[in-house]
Amino acid sequence: MPMQASHVQLLSGSTLLLTTVLLLWRCYLLAMAVRSLRAQCERARQDERRRIAADIHDDLGQNLLTLKLDLATLRRQPVRADQAAHLERMSAHIDVTSRSLRAIINGLHPVALEQGLRCAVERQLHEFARANGIEFNLEDTCYHSDGAGPAEATVLRVLQESLSNIARHAQASEVRIALARDENQLSLTVHDNGVGMPDGPVRRGLGLMGMERRVADAGGWLALASTPGHGTALTVAVPNARGFAQHQACQ
């Protein structure tokens, strides 16, 4: 009888272990499926934003250009002083509207990305340095083709938000940026030499939460490390087109 009880206990323990392993495996598969679905949604959202941006540019942008040309023709005609002033105000309004339209288009889909991620990053860094007087160092190992897909858009948006946070809070004099790509993912590290973050749990403001959501929607991950007095380092990695396809195949 004691031997039978021992066998029963061993069998029960093995069954419990197997059940636990199966549950963990199902949880892992479910998490991967959710991650894959979020990445698909982000790709669809980026494609839709690109389409809307193109439609706005081709339709409203061309209409504004036509108005500008027609107005220029009117301004070359002999008119009264009050009419000339009115035409000048109309021209100024068109210029303001054109700038607003470009900002909307860039918000939907960064125009700079059409020339490649490296070009967009360099442009962003030069504007950041000029506006804030903070030096930068860019390390780029993006040796594969430089596209303008969801991964690139996500990385550029994270860089923009990171630089904005550094300008407002870090009190830094230098920022180091590492941009890398392999067959499966695109990664970005932004490291400043500022005051760092205080000890304790990280305070997640709207900017950080927005970056986390954006990266998660792209199927990637975000890590933040900081030491008081020694700056902050933010690293993100998102699957690129090939990595996303391989991830889908594994499902």
Protein backbone atom coordinates (compact mmCIF):
# COMPACT_ATOMS: atom_id res chain seq x y z
CA MET A 1 0.00 0.00 0.00
CA PRO A 2 2.72 2.56 0.80
CA MET A 3 4.29 1.82 -2.59
CA GLN A 4 0.96 2.38 -4.34
CA ALA A 5 0.53 5.68 -2.51
CA SER A 6 4.02 6.70 -3.60
CA HIS A 7 3.17 5.90 -7.23
CA VAL A 8 -0.04 7.93 -6.95
CA GLN A 9 1.83 10.92 -5.52
CA LEU A 10 4.48 10.69 -8.24
CA LEU A 11 1.82 10.47 -10.94
CA SER A 12 -0.06 13.43 -9.46
CA GLY A 13 3.12 15.47 -9.29
CA SER A 14 4.01 14.66 -12.91
CA THR A 15 0.49 15.50 -14.06
CA LEU A 16 0.62 18.83 -12.23
CA LEU A 17 4.01 19.65 -13.75
CA LEU A 18 2.84 18.74 -17.25
CA THR A 19 -0.34 20.78 -16.81
CA THR A 20 1.69 23.78 -15.63
CA VAL A 21 4.07 23.53 -18.58
CA LEU A 22 1.16 23.29 -21.02
CA LEU A 23 -0.54 26.31 -19.45
CA LEU A 24 2.67 28.34 -19.64
CA TRP A 25 3.13 27.32 -23.27
CA ARG A 26 -0.43 28.34 -24.12
CA CYS A 27 0.12 31.68 -22.37
CA TYR A 28 3.29 32.19 -24.40
CA LEU A 29 1.51 31.39 -27.67
CA LEU A 30 -1.33 33.73 -26.73
CA ALA A 31 1.10 36.55 -25.92
CA MET A 32 2.89 36.04 -29.24
CA ALA A 33 -0.42 36.03 -31.10
CA VAL A 34 -1.44 39.29 -29.42
CA ARG A 35 1.94 40.82 -30.27
CA SER A 36 1.58 39.71 -33.88
CA LEU A 37 -1.93 41.15 -34.11
CA ARG A 38 -0.80 44.48 -32.67
CA ALA A 39 2.06 44.61 -35.17
CA GLN A 40 -0.37 43.94 -38.03
CA CYS A 41 -2.65 46.72 -36.79
CA GLU A 42 0.28 49.13 -36.62
CA ARG A 43 1.33 48.26 -40.16
CA ALA A 44 -2.23 48.81 -41.39
CA ARG A 45 -2.41 52.11 -39.50
CA GLN A 46 0.87 53.32 -41.00
CA ASP A 47 -0.27 52.35 -44.50
CA GLU A 48 -3.52 54.23 -44.02
CA ARG A 49 -1.70 57.30 -42.69
CA ARG A 50 0.61 57.23 -45.71
CA ARG A 51 -2.38 57.04 -48.05
CA ILE A 52 -4.21 59.90 -46.31
CA ALA A 53 -1.07 62.05 -46.32
CA ALA A 54 -0.63 61.45 -50.05
CA ASP A 55 -4.29 62.29 -50.74
CA ILE A 56 -4.05 65.53 -48.75
CA HIS A 57 -0.85 66.50 -50.55
CA ASP A 58 -2.19 65.70 -54.01
CA ASP A 59 -5.61 67.30 -53.51
CA LEU A 60 -5.51 70.14 -50.98
CA GLY A 61 -1.86 70.87 -51.62
CA GLN A 62 -2.42 71.33 -55.34
CA ASN A 63 -5.50 73.49 -54.70
CA LEU A 64 -3.48 75.77 -52.45
CA LEU A 65 -0.75 75.99 -55.06
CA THR A 66 -3.32 76.99 -57.69
CA LEU A 67 -4.71 79.67 -55.38
CA LYS A 68 -1.20 80.96 -54.77
CA LEU A 69 -0.50 81.20 -58.51
CA ASP A 70 -3.84 82.90 -59.23
CA LEU A 71 -3.20 85.36 -56.44
CA ALA A 72 0.26 86.12 -57.79
CA THR A 73 -1.35 86.92 -61.16
CA LEU A 74 -3.81 89.30 -59.49
CA ARG A 75 -1.05 91.06 -57.57
CA ARG A 76 0.70 91.89 -60.84
CA GLN A 77 -2.39 93.79 -62.02
CA PRO A 78 -2.86 97.51 -61.26
CA VAL A 79 -5.09 97.73 -58.16
CA ARG A 80 -5.97 100.28 -55.51
CA ALA A 81 -3.93 100.45 -52.32
CA ASP A 82 -6.69 98.87 -50.20
CA GLN A 83 -7.06 96.05 -52.72
CA ALA A 84 -3.29 95.47 -52.72
CA ALA A 85 -3.34 95.23 -48.91
CA HIS A 86 -6.21 92.75 -49.09
CA LEU A 87 -4.33 90.62 -51.62
CA GLU A 88 -1.28 90.70 -49.35
CA ARG A 89 -3.35 89.41 -46.43
CA MET A 90 -4.79 86.67 -48.64
CA SER A 91 -1.28 85.61 -49.64
CA ALA A 92 -0.21 85.50 -45.98
CA HIS A 93 -3.24 83.34 -45.10
CA ILE A 94 -2.41 80.92 -47.91
CA ASP A 95 1.18 80.66 -46.65
CA VAL A 96 -0.02 79.91 -43.11
CA THR A 97 -2.46 77.30 -44.42
CA SER A 98 0.28 75.68 -46.49
CA ARG A 99 2.55 75.42 -43.45
CA SER A 100 -0.28 73.94 -41.40
CA LEU A 101 -1.01 71.46 -44.16
CA ARG A 102 2.64 70.36 -44.29
CA ALA A 103 2.61 69.88 -40.52
CA ILE A 104 -0.52 67.72 -40.76
CA ILE A 105 1.00 65.63 -43.55
CA ASN A 106 4.22 65.20 -41.60
CA GLY A 107 2.22 64.18 -38.53
CA LEU A 108 0.42 61.49 -40.50
CA HIS A 109 3.56 60.22 -42.22
CA PRO A 110 6.99 61.86 -41.77
CA VAL A 111 7.94 63.21 -45.19
CA ALA A 112 11.64 62.99 -44.29
CA LEU A 113 11.34 59.19 -44.23
CA GLU A 114 10.84 59.12 -47.97
CA GLN A 115 14.58 59.81 -48.25
CA GLY A 116 15.43 57.01 -45.82
CA LEU A 117 15.64 56.63 -42.07
CA ARG A 118 19.24 57.78 -41.74
CA CYS A 119 18.48 61.01 -43.60
CA ALA A 120 15.41 61.62 -41.42
CA VAL A 121 17.38 60.95 -38.22
CA GLU A 122 20.23 63.24 -39.24
CA ARG A 123 17.80 66.01 -40.12
CA GLN A 124 16.03 65.62 -36.77
CA LEU A 125 19.33 65.69 -34.87
CA HIS A 126 20.61 68.79 -36.66
CA GLU A 127 17.36 70.63 -35.92
CA PHE A 128 17.56 69.49 -32.29
CA ALA A 129 21.18 70.67 -31.94
CA ARG A 130 20.45 74.03 -33.55
CA ALA A 131 17.38 74.67 -31.39
CA ASN A 132 18.83 73.52 -28.05
CA GLY A 133 22.61 73.87 -28.30
CA ILE A 134 23.10 70.19 -27.42
CA GLU A 135 25.75 68.25 -29.34
CA PHE A 136 25.02 64.82 -30.78
CA ASN A 137 26.92 61.78 -31.94
CA LEU A 138 25.27 59.32 -34.32
CA GLU A 139 26.45 55.73 -34.64
CA ASP A 140 24.73 54.10 -37.59
CA THR A 141 25.06 50.42 -38.48
CA CYS A 142 21.95 50.20 -40.67
CA TYR A 143 23.67 48.17 -43.34
CA HIS A 144 20.51 46.71 -44.85
CA SER A 145 18.14 48.51 -47.20
CA ASP A 146 16.81 51.71 -45.67
CA GLY A 147 13.05 51.78 -46.14
CA ALA A 148 10.17 53.90 -44.92
CA GLY A 149 7.92 51.25 -43.38
CA PRO A 150 6.21 50.99 -39.99
CA ALA A 151 9.44 50.05 -38.19
CA GLU A 152 11.22 53.16 -39.48
CA ALA A 153 8.25 55.39 -38.67
CA THR A 154 8.08 54.01 -35.13
CA VAL A 155 11.79 54.54 -34.52
CA LEU A 156 11.67 58.10 -35.85
CA ARG A 157 8.68 58.98 -33.65
CA VAL A 158 10.42 57.56 -30.59
CA LEU A 159 13.55 59.56 -31.41
CA GLN A 160 11.51 62.75 -31.73
CA GLU A 161 9.81 62.22 -28.37
CA SER A 162 13.10 61.25 -26.70
CA LEU A 163 14.84 64.39 -27.94
CA SER A 164 11.91 66.50 -26.79
CA ASN A 165 12.16 65.00 -23.29
CA ILE A 166 15.92 65.56 -23.21
CA ALA A 167 15.53 69.21 -24.21
CA ARG A 168 12.94 69.80 -21.49
CA HIS A 169 14.24 67.76 -18.57
CA ALA A 170 17.74 66.28 -18.96
CA GLN A 171 19.97 69.39 -18.69
CA ALA A 172 22.32 67.52 -21.04
CA SER A 173 25.18 68.82 -23.15
CA GLU A 174 25.51 65.78 -25.41
CA VAL A 175 23.33 63.00 -26.81
CA ARG A 176 24.60 59.73 -28.29
CA ILE A 177 22.36 57.89 -30.73
CA ALA A 178 22.95 54.33 -31.91
CA LEU A 179 20.92 53.09 -34.85
CA ALA A 180 21.25 49.45 -35.89
CA ARG A 181 19.48 46.95 -38.09
CA ASP A 182 19.85 43.23 -38.60
CA GLU A 183 17.80 40.74 -40.59
CA ASN A 184 14.97 40.73 -38.06
CA GLN A 185 14.77 44.03 -36.23
CA LEU A 186 15.58 47.71 -36.17
CA SER A 187 16.89 49.18 -32.91
CA LEU A 188 17.55 52.64 -31.52
CA THR A 189 19.39 53.75 -28.39
CA VAL A 190 19.30 57.36 -27.17
CA HIS A 191 21.74 58.14 -24.33
CA ASP A 192 22.16 61.61 -22.83
CA ASN A 193 24.71 62.85 -20.28
CA GLY A 194 22.19 64.82 -18.27
CA VAL A 195 21.04 64.73 -14.67
CA GLY A 196 19.37 61.35 -15.00
CA MET A 197 16.21 60.23 -13.25
CA PRO A 198 15.74 60.00 -9.48
CA ASP A 199 15.96 56.66 -7.73
CA GLY A 200 12.78 54.68 -7.33
CA PRO A 201 10.02 53.64 -9.72
CA VAL A 202 10.08 55.34 -13.11
CA ARG A 203 7.45 58.05 -13.41
CA ARG A 204 5.61 57.30 -16.63
CA GLY A 205 4.35 60.54 -18.10
CA LEU A 206 2.32 60.87 -21.26
CA GLY A 207 5.45 60.98 -23.42
CA LEU A 208 6.91 57.72 -22.11
CA MET A 209 3.55 55.96 -22.11
CA GLY A 210 3.00 57.09 -25.68
CA MET A 211 6.37 55.68 -26.74
CA GLU A 212 5.67 52.39 -24.96
CA ARG A 213 2.29 52.07 -26.66
CA ARG A 214 3.70 52.94 -30.08
CA VAL A 215 6.54 50.42 -29.77
CA ALA A 216 4.24 47.70 -28.42
CA ASP A 217 1.81 48.27 -31.29
CA ALA A 218 4.72 47.71 -33.68
CA GLY A 219 5.50 44.39 -31.98
CA GLY A 220 8.66 45.66 -30.30
CA TRP A 221 10.00 46.42 -26.83
CA LEU A 222 11.31 49.45 -24.93
CA ALA A 223 13.82 49.61 -22.07
CA LEU A 224 14.79 52.61 -19.94
CA ALA A 225 17.89 52.86 -17.74
CA SER A 226 18.98 55.86 -15.71
CA THR A 227 21.40 56.75 -12.92
CA PRO A 228 21.11 60.05 -11.04
CA GLY A 229 23.83 62.37 -12.28
CA HIS A 230 24.85 60.08 -15.15
CA GLY A 231 22.12 60.54 -17.72
CA THR A 232 19.43 58.31 -19.16
CA ALA A 233 19.51 55.64 -21.86
CA LEU A 234 16.42 54.59 -23.79
CA THR A 235 16.53 51.58 -26.10
CA VAL A 236 13.81 50.33 -28.43
CA ALA A 237 13.72 47.47 -30.92
CA VAL A 238 10.97 46.75 -33.43
CA PRO A 239 10.75 43.98 -36.02
CA ASN A 240 11.46 45.14 -39.56
CA ALA A 241 9.64 43.82 -42.62
CA ARG A 242 11.64 40.59 -42.83
CA GLY A 243 11.52 39.99 -39.09
CA PHE A 244 7.79 40.57 -39.09
CA ALA A 245 7.32 38.07 -41.93
CA GLN A 246 9.39 35.45 -40.11
CA HIS A 247 7.43 36.08 -36.93
CA GLN A 248 4.20 35.55 -38.87
CA ALA A 249 5.52 32.30 -40.35
CA CYS A 250 6.32 30.99 -36.87
CA GLN A 251 2.71 31.48 -35.86
